[in-house]
Protein backbone atom coordinates (compact mmCIF):
# COMPACT_ATOMS: atom_id res chain seq x y z
CA MET A 1 6.97 16.83 9.67
CA LYS A 2 9.14 17.97 12.51
CA LYS A 3 6.33 17.64 15.18
CA ILE A 4 5.83 13.73 13.77
CA LEU A 5 9.66 13.07 13.91
CA GLU A 6 9.58 14.51 17.49
CA ARG A 7 6.47 12.44 18.74
CA LEU A 8 7.92 9.18 17.27
CA ASN A 9 11.44 10.30 18.99
CA ARG A 10 9.46 10.67 22.34
CA ALA A 11 7.42 7.48 21.95
CA ALA A 12 10.60 5.37 21.14
CA GLN A 13 10.93 4.40 25.03
CA LEU A 14 12.23 0.78 26.18
CA ARG A 15 8.53 -0.08 27.22
CA ASN A 16 7.18 0.43 23.93
CA ILE A 17 9.98 -0.95 21.96
CA LEU A 18 9.52 -4.05 24.10
CA THR A 19 5.61 -4.06 23.61
CA LEU A 20 6.44 -3.75 19.93
CA LEU A 21 8.90 -6.60 20.00
CA ALA A 22 6.74 -8.90 21.88
CA LEU A 23 3.84 -8.21 19.18
CA GLN A 24 6.32 -8.79 16.47
CA THR A 25 7.32 -12.24 18.09
CA LEU A 26 3.92 -13.07 18.56
CA LEU A 27 2.62 -12.57 14.99
CA GLN A 28 5.86 -14.35 13.71
CA ILE A 29 4.66 -17.39 15.78
CA VAL A 30 1.35 -17.22 13.81
CA LEU A 31 3.03 -16.39 10.69
CA LEU A 32 5.57 -19.11 11.09
CA GLY A 33 3.58 -21.80 13.29
CA TRP A 34 0.39 -21.83 12.12
CA PHE A 35 0.21 -20.43 8.46
CA LEU A 36 3.83 -21.64 7.38
CA PRO A 37 2.85 -25.53 7.53
CA GLN A 38 0.11 -24.92 5.27
CA LEU A 39 1.73 -23.35 3.17
CA GLN A 40 4.58 -25.70 1.95
CA GLY A 41 5.59 -25.84 -1.50
CA PRO A 42 6.40 -29.10 -3.76
CA GLU A 43 9.62 -29.75 -1.84
CA LYS A 44 7.79 -29.54 1.54
CA SER A 45 9.67 -26.26 1.71
CA PHE A 46 8.73 -23.42 3.51
CA ASP A 47 9.45 -21.31 0.50
CA THR A 48 6.47 -18.89 0.25
CA LEU A 49 7.01 -15.99 -2.00
CA ASP A 50 7.37 -13.68 0.85
CA LEU A 51 10.35 -15.30 1.80
CA ARG A 52 12.32 -15.86 -1.24
CA PHE A 53 14.42 -13.35 -2.99
CA SER A 54 12.78 -13.00 -6.52
CA TYR A 55 10.53 -15.46 -8.67
CA SER A 56 9.20 -15.54 -12.04
CA THR A 57 5.50 -15.75 -13.24
CA GLN A 58 6.00 -19.80 -13.84
CA ASP A 59 7.13 -19.81 -10.23
CA VAL A 60 3.93 -18.14 -8.98
CA ARG A 61 1.99 -20.60 -11.44
CA ASP A 62 3.91 -24.03 -10.03
CA TYR A 63 3.62 -22.81 -6.39
CA PHE A 64 -0.01 -21.90 -6.50
CA LEU A 65 -0.78 -25.23 -7.89
CA ALA A 66 1.01 -27.15 -5.69
CA LEU A 67 -0.43 -25.20 -2.75
CA GLY A 68 -4.20 -25.89 -4.40
CA ALA A 69 -7.07 -23.98 -3.16
CA PRO A 70 -6.59 -24.55 0.41
CA GLY A 71 -3.13 -23.47 0.42
CA ARG A 72 -4.17 -20.32 -1.42
CA LEU A 73 -6.73 -19.52 1.03
CA ALA A 74 -4.39 -20.03 3.75
CA TYR A 75 -1.78 -17.86 1.95
CA THR A 76 -4.49 -15.03 2.06
CA PHE A 77 -5.04 -15.07 5.40
CA ASN A 78 -0.92 -15.15 6.01
CA GLU A 79 -1.03 -12.31 3.79
CA LEU A 80 -3.44 -10.17 5.57
CA VAL A 81 -1.95 -11.14 8.97
CA ASP A 82 1.17 -10.05 7.42
CA LEU A 83 -0.17 -6.38 7.00
CA ILE A 84 -0.20 -5.79 10.59
CA PHE A 85 2.98 -7.37 10.89
CA GLY A 86 4.38 -4.67 8.66
CA LEU A 87 2.91 -2.00 10.71
CA VAL A 88 4.28 -3.39 14.12
CA TYR A 89 7.85 -4.31 12.53
CA VAL A 90 8.08 -0.55 10.86
CA LEU A 91 7.51 0.86 14.22
CA SER A 92 9.97 -1.24 15.92
CA PHE A 93 12.49 -0.58 13.42
CA ILE A 94 11.54 3.04 13.96
CA PHE A 95 11.55 3.19 17.87
CA ILE A 96 15.01 1.34 17.96
CA ILE A 97 16.75 3.73 15.40
CA ALA A 98 15.26 6.67 17.58
CA ALA A 99 16.51 5.20 20.70
CA LEU A 100 19.99 4.19 19.33
CA GLY A 101 20.00 7.71 17.59
CA ARG A 102 19.66 9.38 20.95
CA MET A 103 22.23 7.59 22.58
CA ALA A 104 24.69 7.42 20.00
CA PHE A 105 24.38 11.14 18.38
CA SER A 106 22.99 12.93 21.33
CA GLU A 107 21.48 16.16 19.95
CA LYS A 108 22.52 15.61 16.07
CA LYS A 109 19.06 15.20 14.63
CA PHE A 110 20.69 13.82 11.41
CA TRP A 111 19.66 9.98 12.24
CA TYR A 112 15.63 11.09 11.63
CA TRP A 113 16.88 10.74 7.99
CA PHE A 114 17.57 7.01 8.98
CA TYR A 115 13.58 6.65 9.61
CA ILE A 116 13.19 6.43 5.86
CA LEU A 117 14.73 2.93 5.48
CA PRO A 118 11.87 1.03 7.48
CA LEU A 119 9.22 3.09 5.76
CA VAL A 120 10.47 1.94 2.38
CA LEU A 121 10.61 -1.66 3.54
CA VAL A 122 7.18 -1.30 4.57
CA THR A 123 5.99 0.30 1.46
CA CYS A 124 7.90 -2.09 -0.50
CA ASP A 125 6.39 -4.88 1.66
CA TYR A 126 2.99 -3.94 1.37
CA ILE A 127 3.13 -3.83 -2.36
CA GLU A 128 4.40 -7.11 -2.56
CA ASN A 129 1.62 -8.25 0.06
CA PHE A 130 -1.19 -6.57 -2.05
CA SER A 131 0.43 -8.14 -5.09
CA ILE A 132 0.26 -11.44 -4.07
CA LEU A 133 -3.35 -11.29 -2.87
CA ALA A 134 -4.18 -10.19 -6.45
CA MET A 135 -2.45 -13.10 -8.16
CA ILE A 136 -4.16 -15.28 -5.30
CA ALA A 137 -7.28 -13.76 -6.38
CA ASN A 138 -7.02 -13.98 -9.83
CA PHE A 139 -5.21 -17.55 -10.20
CA PRO A 140 -4.84 -19.31 -12.74
CA GLU A 141 -5.82 -16.57 -15.24
CA ASN A 142 -3.97 -13.41 -14.06
CA ILE A 143 -0.72 -13.77 -12.37
CA HIS A 144 1.30 -11.74 -14.99
CA ILE A 145 2.17 -9.03 -12.12
CA ALA A 146 4.48 -11.56 -10.91
CA PRO A 147 7.58 -9.77 -11.95
CA PHE A 148 6.43 -6.67 -10.46
CA ALA A 149 5.69 -8.56 -6.94
CA SER A 150 8.98 -10.20 -7.50
CA PHE A 151 10.68 -6.72 -7.82
CA PHE A 152 9.30 -5.52 -4.51
CA THR A 153 10.02 -8.63 -2.70
CA SER A 154 13.83 -8.25 -3.80
CA ILE A 155 13.76 -4.57 -2.74
CA LYS A 156 12.22 -5.64 0.54
CA GLN A 157 14.97 -7.85 1.25
CA ILE A 158 18.09 -5.68 0.27
CA VAL A 159 16.11 -2.81 2.54
CA LEU A 160 15.71 -5.42 5.34
CA ALA A 161 19.41 -6.27 5.40
CA THR A 162 20.53 -2.46 5.24
CA THR A 163 18.12 -1.46 8.09
CA ILE A 164 19.45 -4.49 10.00
CA PHE A 165 23.09 -3.45 9.33
CA LEU A 166 22.55 0.23 10.03
CA ILE A 167 20.75 -0.64 13.58
CA MET A 168 23.83 -2.72 14.35
CA GLY A 169 26.09 0.08 13.35
CA MET A 170 23.92 2.57 15.47
CA GLY A 171 24.13 0.20 18.18
CA LEU A 172 28.11 -0.18 18.01
CA ALA A 173 28.27 3.84 17.79
CA ALA A 174 25.99 4.10 21.03
CA PHE A 175 27.94 1.56 22.98
CA LYS A 176 31.22 3.08 21.87
CA LYS A 177 30.10 6.31 23.09
CA LYS A 178 28.74 4.76 26.38
CA LEU A 179 32.02 2.92 26.88
CA PHE A 180 34.31 6.04 26.27
CA SER A 181 32.24 8.32 28.41
CA ILE A 182 32.92 6.03 31.56
CA LYS A 183 35.70 7.43 33.70
């Protein structure tokens, strides 16, 4: 495990972080620019299940009915691309945490524990994605796993916010260290 952590730490270079962020941006353009317009709900809002905080079985039924077969097919492709997106953003977050950890905390490696947040985030995202794919595949008969999927969607949103606040805090700690080291 220590070797994996050290490899991640070494790979967390600015060039790799920028490459991942560029890829993340490209995937967001694909997800939001191409798929999302096809996934508009009945109110013509972009309220996909992934972007909500929670949803019920009835919410899923209403949304899938409003999408129709072509919209559900587009949603399937969206979820498949989202699997790639998950891998990219988890690496982005881990690399950013590693880079900021090195800057803010020098040789203290306690910040390796912060890698857990992006790993929990991507795990919840993948469980959510596979649950949504299962509901699409079994619609309209079997969408009873909606509360299960919604639970992981909610946890994903909470962990995402926590990860962003953690990165902001580490960024401030790194800035403070840099600011006070200038003589």
